[in-house]
Amino acid sequence: MATDIVIGTHNRLDMLRRTIACIQERTTTPYRLSVIDDASTDGTADYIKSLGLNLYRREKRGGMHQNLIDVAKVSKSDPVICTDDDALCPLLDPDWLSRLLEAMATRPRLMMLGLNNPGDNKTGSRHPYADDGEVIYSQYVSGHYLAMRRALIDKTAGLFTDRKSRESPNKTQAKYVHAIAGRVGYLKNVYTWHYCPDSLRRPGKNWKRLMIEPVDLLTLEPPEEYRQCQIR
């Protein structure tokens, strides 16, 4: 079965075009790409239809929490890859997706596994605590090319009881994973570039200081000082 990759978006068609093109150009492992359109008014739905991709459209805004709940409606694979519309994946051989899938297949306790986001290395916000050479285990992980097991996807709707919470939905999911003795982490040497500083979850918030531009636009490797975060 092809692995489902699901992008959530709202009125960011230019970025969505770039992200979709990146996935299509840099992913060789079989996948099925779907887009959750959170009531966009900028032509997103028509664009997705023109590409022949799987589209799930809401007529009323639901936000990032609802996007993750709706992942269960548009996906079948285990795991599922979820990503925002403003992040790129690297060009690697083997490709980034095969590396995510292999790491999860050989680590059954891993329920959430993402790519390495240099912005998080700058802040230490994932709170990494262990390194097995390929995967860095952490308290939290950001939602850029994030692999999640089907069991977590199916549980997600019940986790988001407070939609007005300022806590990120991925953080809520990670807390649940740790509570059931699962593990969360990210691939140590496979990078993503989160290139847009504007926050959809917190309008008006600008993350420009965390947009670490890669030194290589193919592998997305960042400057040396942002490649890893100190383990604590």
Protein backbone atom coordinates (compact mmCIF):
# COMPACT_ATOMS: atom_id res chain seq x y z
CA MET A 1 0.00 0.00 0.00
CA ALA A 2 1.19 3.49 -0.80
CA THR A 3 1.89 5.73 2.18
CA ASP A 4 -0.55 8.57 2.67
CA ILE A 5 0.93 12.08 2.81
CA VAL A 6 -1.58 14.67 4.00
CA ILE A 7 -1.13 18.45 3.78
CA GLY A 8 -3.34 20.84 5.72
CA THR A 9 -3.78 24.33 4.25
CA HIS A 10 -5.74 27.57 4.43
CA ASN A 11 -5.39 30.41 1.91
CA ARG A 12 -1.71 29.84 1.16
CA LEU A 13 -1.90 28.65 -2.43
CA ASP A 14 1.54 29.90 -3.46
CA MET A 15 3.21 28.00 -0.64
CA LEU A 16 1.04 24.95 -1.21
CA ARG A 17 2.15 24.85 -4.87
CA ARG A 18 5.78 24.91 -3.76
CA THR A 19 5.31 22.21 -1.14
CA ILE A 20 3.42 19.89 -3.49
CA ALA A 21 6.03 20.32 -6.21
CA CYS A 22 8.78 19.55 -3.73
CA ILE A 23 7.09 16.34 -2.59
CA GLN A 24 6.46 15.23 -6.16
CA GLU A 25 10.03 15.93 -7.24
CA ARG A 26 11.80 14.45 -4.20
CA THR A 27 9.76 11.40 -3.23
CA THR A 28 10.38 8.08 -4.97
CA THR A 29 8.78 5.75 -2.42
CA PRO A 30 5.13 5.06 -3.40
CA TYR A 31 2.75 7.54 -1.81
CA ARG A 32 -0.73 9.03 -2.15
CA LEU A 33 -0.97 12.79 -1.68
CA SER A 34 -4.08 14.38 -0.14
CA VAL A 35 -4.88 17.96 0.79
CA ILE A 36 -7.21 19.09 3.56
CA ASP A 37 -8.50 22.49 2.50
CA ASP A 38 -9.63 24.42 5.56
CA ALA A 39 -12.20 26.66 3.83
CA SER A 40 -9.73 28.45 1.57
CA THR A 41 -11.01 31.23 -0.68
CA ASP A 42 -7.93 31.61 -2.91
CA GLY A 43 -8.59 28.89 -5.48
CA THR A 44 -6.90 26.10 -3.53
CA ALA A 45 -9.66 23.55 -4.18
CA ASP A 46 -9.66 24.17 -7.94
CA TYR A 47 -5.88 23.83 -8.04
CA ILE A 48 -5.90 20.52 -6.19
CA LYS A 49 -8.62 19.20 -8.49
CA SER A 50 -6.58 20.25 -11.53
CA LEU A 51 -3.70 18.09 -10.28
CA GLY A 52 -5.96 15.10 -9.75
CA LEU A 53 -5.01 14.87 -6.08
CA ASN A 54 -7.26 13.69 -3.29
CA LEU A 55 -9.11 16.70 -1.82
CA TYR A 56 -11.02 16.99 1.43
CA ARG A 57 -12.59 20.43 1.69
CA ARG A 58 -14.36 22.07 4.61
CA GLU A 59 -16.68 24.99 3.92
CA LYS A 60 -16.16 26.37 7.44
CA ARG A 61 -12.81 26.96 9.15
CA GLY A 62 -11.84 24.25 11.57
CA GLY A 63 -8.21 25.05 12.29
CA MET A 64 -5.19 22.81 12.78
CA HIS A 65 -6.86 20.62 15.40
CA GLN A 66 -9.66 19.75 12.98
CA ASN A 67 -7.14 19.16 10.19
CA LEU A 68 -5.49 16.43 12.24
CA ILE A 69 -8.84 14.90 13.15
CA ASP A 70 -9.80 14.81 9.47
CA VAL A 71 -6.58 12.99 8.54
CA ALA A 72 -8.40 9.78 9.51
CA LYS A 73 -11.01 10.48 6.82
CA VAL A 74 -8.55 10.85 3.94
CA SER A 75 -5.93 8.22 4.77
CA LYS A 76 -5.62 4.45 4.99
CA SER A 77 -1.92 3.71 5.44
CA ASP A 78 -0.03 3.00 8.64
CA PRO A 79 1.84 5.19 9.31
CA VAL A 80 0.47 8.40 7.79
CA ILE A 81 2.68 11.41 6.99
CA CYS A 82 1.23 14.80 7.94
CA THR A 83 2.78 18.12 7.04
CA ASP A 84 2.04 21.81 6.94
CA ASP A 85 1.83 23.67 3.63
CA ASP A 86 4.99 25.71 4.22
CA ALA A 87 7.78 23.17 4.60
CA LEU A 88 10.04 21.37 2.14
CA CYS A 89 11.41 17.83 2.12
CA PRO A 90 15.01 16.98 1.14
CA LEU A 91 16.34 15.32 -2.00
CA LEU A 92 18.10 12.16 -0.80
CA ASP A 93 18.88 8.62 -1.96
CA PRO A 94 17.21 6.62 -0.45
CA ASP A 95 14.50 9.23 -0.22
CA TRP A 96 13.25 10.91 2.95
CA LEU A 97 10.04 8.87 3.05
CA SER A 98 11.76 5.49 2.91
CA ARG A 99 14.00 6.57 5.79
CA LEU A 100 11.03 7.56 7.91
CA LEU A 101 9.23 4.29 7.19
CA GLU A 102 12.31 2.15 7.87
CA ALA A 103 12.98 3.87 11.18
CA MET A 104 9.41 3.31 12.34
CA ALA A 105 9.34 -0.30 11.14
CA THR A 106 12.36 -1.14 13.26
CA ARG A 107 11.21 0.79 16.35
CA PRO A 108 7.72 -0.42 17.27
CA ARG A 109 7.35 1.96 20.24
CA LEU A 110 7.79 5.00 18.01
CA MET A 111 4.38 6.55 17.38
CA MET A 112 5.47 9.97 16.09
CA LEU A 113 8.59 10.49 13.98
CA GLY A 114 9.43 13.67 12.11
CA LEU A 115 12.26 15.19 10.13
CA ASN A 116 14.88 17.36 11.81
CA ASN A 117 13.70 20.99 11.93
CA PRO A 118 16.70 23.32 12.50
CA GLY A 119 14.46 25.99 14.01
CA ASP A 120 13.65 23.58 16.82
CA ASN A 121 17.36 22.92 17.29
CA LYS A 122 17.81 26.65 17.84
CA THR A 123 15.14 26.82 20.55
CA GLY A 124 15.44 23.35 22.06
CA SER A 125 11.64 23.21 22.06
CA ARG A 126 11.44 19.47 21.35
CA HIS A 127 13.42 18.66 24.52
CA PRO A 128 15.53 15.81 23.09
CA TYR A 129 16.71 13.26 25.65
CA ALA A 130 18.28 10.29 23.81
CA ASP A 131 20.08 9.50 20.54
CA ASP A 132 20.34 6.02 19.00
CA GLY A 133 22.46 7.22 16.09
CA GLU A 134 19.59 7.52 13.62
CA VAL A 135 16.64 8.72 15.71
CA ILE A 136 16.71 11.38 18.39
CA TYR A 137 14.01 10.78 21.00
CA SER A 138 12.27 13.85 22.33
CA GLN A 139 9.35 15.05 24.42
CA TYR A 140 7.77 16.82 21.45
CA VAL A 141 8.13 17.03 17.68
CA SER A 142 7.00 19.58 15.11
CA GLY A 143 4.45 18.85 12.41
CA HIS A 144 6.61 18.95 9.29
CA TYR A 145 6.73 15.59 7.48
CA LEU A 146 5.58 13.90 10.65
CA ALA A 147 4.88 10.16 10.51
CA MET A 148 2.14 9.02 12.89
CA ARG A 149 0.88 5.53 13.48
CA ARG A 150 -2.70 4.70 12.59
CA ALA A 151 -3.54 3.98 16.23
CA LEU A 152 -2.66 7.58 17.11
CA ILE A 153 -4.54 9.01 14.12
CA ASP A 154 -7.66 7.10 15.16
CA LYS A 155 -7.32 8.35 18.75
CA THR A 156 -6.75 11.99 17.82
CA ALA A 157 -10.35 13.24 17.86
CA GLY A 158 -10.68 12.24 21.50
CA LEU A 159 -7.52 14.11 22.48
CA PHE A 160 -8.63 17.56 21.34
CA THR A 161 -11.25 18.34 23.96
CA ASP A 162 -10.22 22.01 24.27
CA ARG A 163 -10.09 23.55 20.80
CA LYS A 164 -9.30 26.99 22.28
CA SER A 165 -6.11 25.76 23.92
CA ARG A 166 -2.95 27.57 22.88
CA GLU A 167 -1.08 24.25 23.02
CA SER A 168 -0.09 22.94 19.60
CA PRO A 169 -2.06 19.85 18.52
CA ASN A 170 1.15 17.88 17.96
CA LYS A 171 2.20 18.62 21.55
CA THR A 172 -1.12 17.28 22.80
CA GLN A 173 -0.61 14.13 20.75
CA ALA A 174 2.96 13.71 22.06
CA LYS A 175 1.78 13.95 25.66
CA TYR A 176 -0.67 11.14 25.00
CA VAL A 177 2.03 9.01 23.38
CA HIS A 178 4.29 9.35 26.41
CA ALA A 179 1.36 8.58 28.74
CA ILE A 180 0.91 5.17 27.07
CA ALA A 181 4.67 4.46 27.10
CA GLY A 182 5.15 5.18 23.42
CA ARG A 183 8.00 7.22 21.97
CA VAL A 184 8.34 10.43 19.98
CA GLY A 185 11.34 11.52 17.94
CA TYR A 186 12.88 12.81 14.74
CA LEU A 187 15.44 11.58 12.22
CA LYS A 188 18.82 12.91 13.26
CA ASN A 189 20.29 13.64 9.84
CA VAL A 190 17.27 14.11 7.58
CA TYR A 191 16.20 17.76 7.49
CA THR A 192 13.14 19.78 6.61
CA TRP A 193 12.99 23.50 5.91
CA HIS A 194 10.05 25.34 7.44
CA TYR A 195 10.33 28.48 5.37
CA CYS A 196 7.29 30.62 6.24
CA PRO A 197 7.40 32.73 9.43
CA ASP A 198 3.65 33.39 9.62
CA SER A 199 1.69 31.23 12.04
CA LEU A 200 -1.74 29.89 11.06
CA ARG A 201 -2.43 28.63 14.57
CA ARG A 202 -1.54 31.94 16.21
CA PRO A 203 -2.36 34.79 13.77
CA GLY A 204 0.00 37.73 14.13
CA LYS A 205 2.82 35.59 15.50
CA ASN A 206 5.97 35.76 13.41
CA TRP A 207 8.61 33.03 13.64
CA LYS A 208 11.16 34.68 11.34
CA ARG A 209 14.00 34.20 13.83
CA LEU A 210 13.44 30.45 13.60
CA MET A 211 13.51 30.21 9.81
CA ILE A 212 16.99 28.72 9.47
CA GLU A 213 17.83 28.83 5.77
CA PRO A 214 19.66 25.71 4.56
CA VAL A 215 23.18 25.85 3.18
CA ASP A 216 22.15 23.20 0.62
CA LEU A 217 18.73 23.62 -1.03
CA LEU A 218 18.68 19.96 -2.08
CA THR A 219 19.57 18.13 1.13
CA LEU A 220 18.25 21.05 3.25
CA GLU A 221 21.19 20.74 5.62
CA PRO A 222 21.36 23.88 7.79
CA PRO A 223 24.46 25.71 9.03
CA GLU A 224 26.56 23.53 11.34
CA GLU A 225 25.43 25.27 14.54
CA TYR A 226 21.79 24.37 13.89
CA ARG A 227 22.17 20.75 12.80
CA GLN A 228 21.59 19.24 16.22
CA CYS A 229 20.25 20.18 19.61
CA GLN A 230 22.02 19.34 22.84
CA ILE A 231 20.70 16.18 24.49
CA ARG A 232 19.60 16.73 28.08
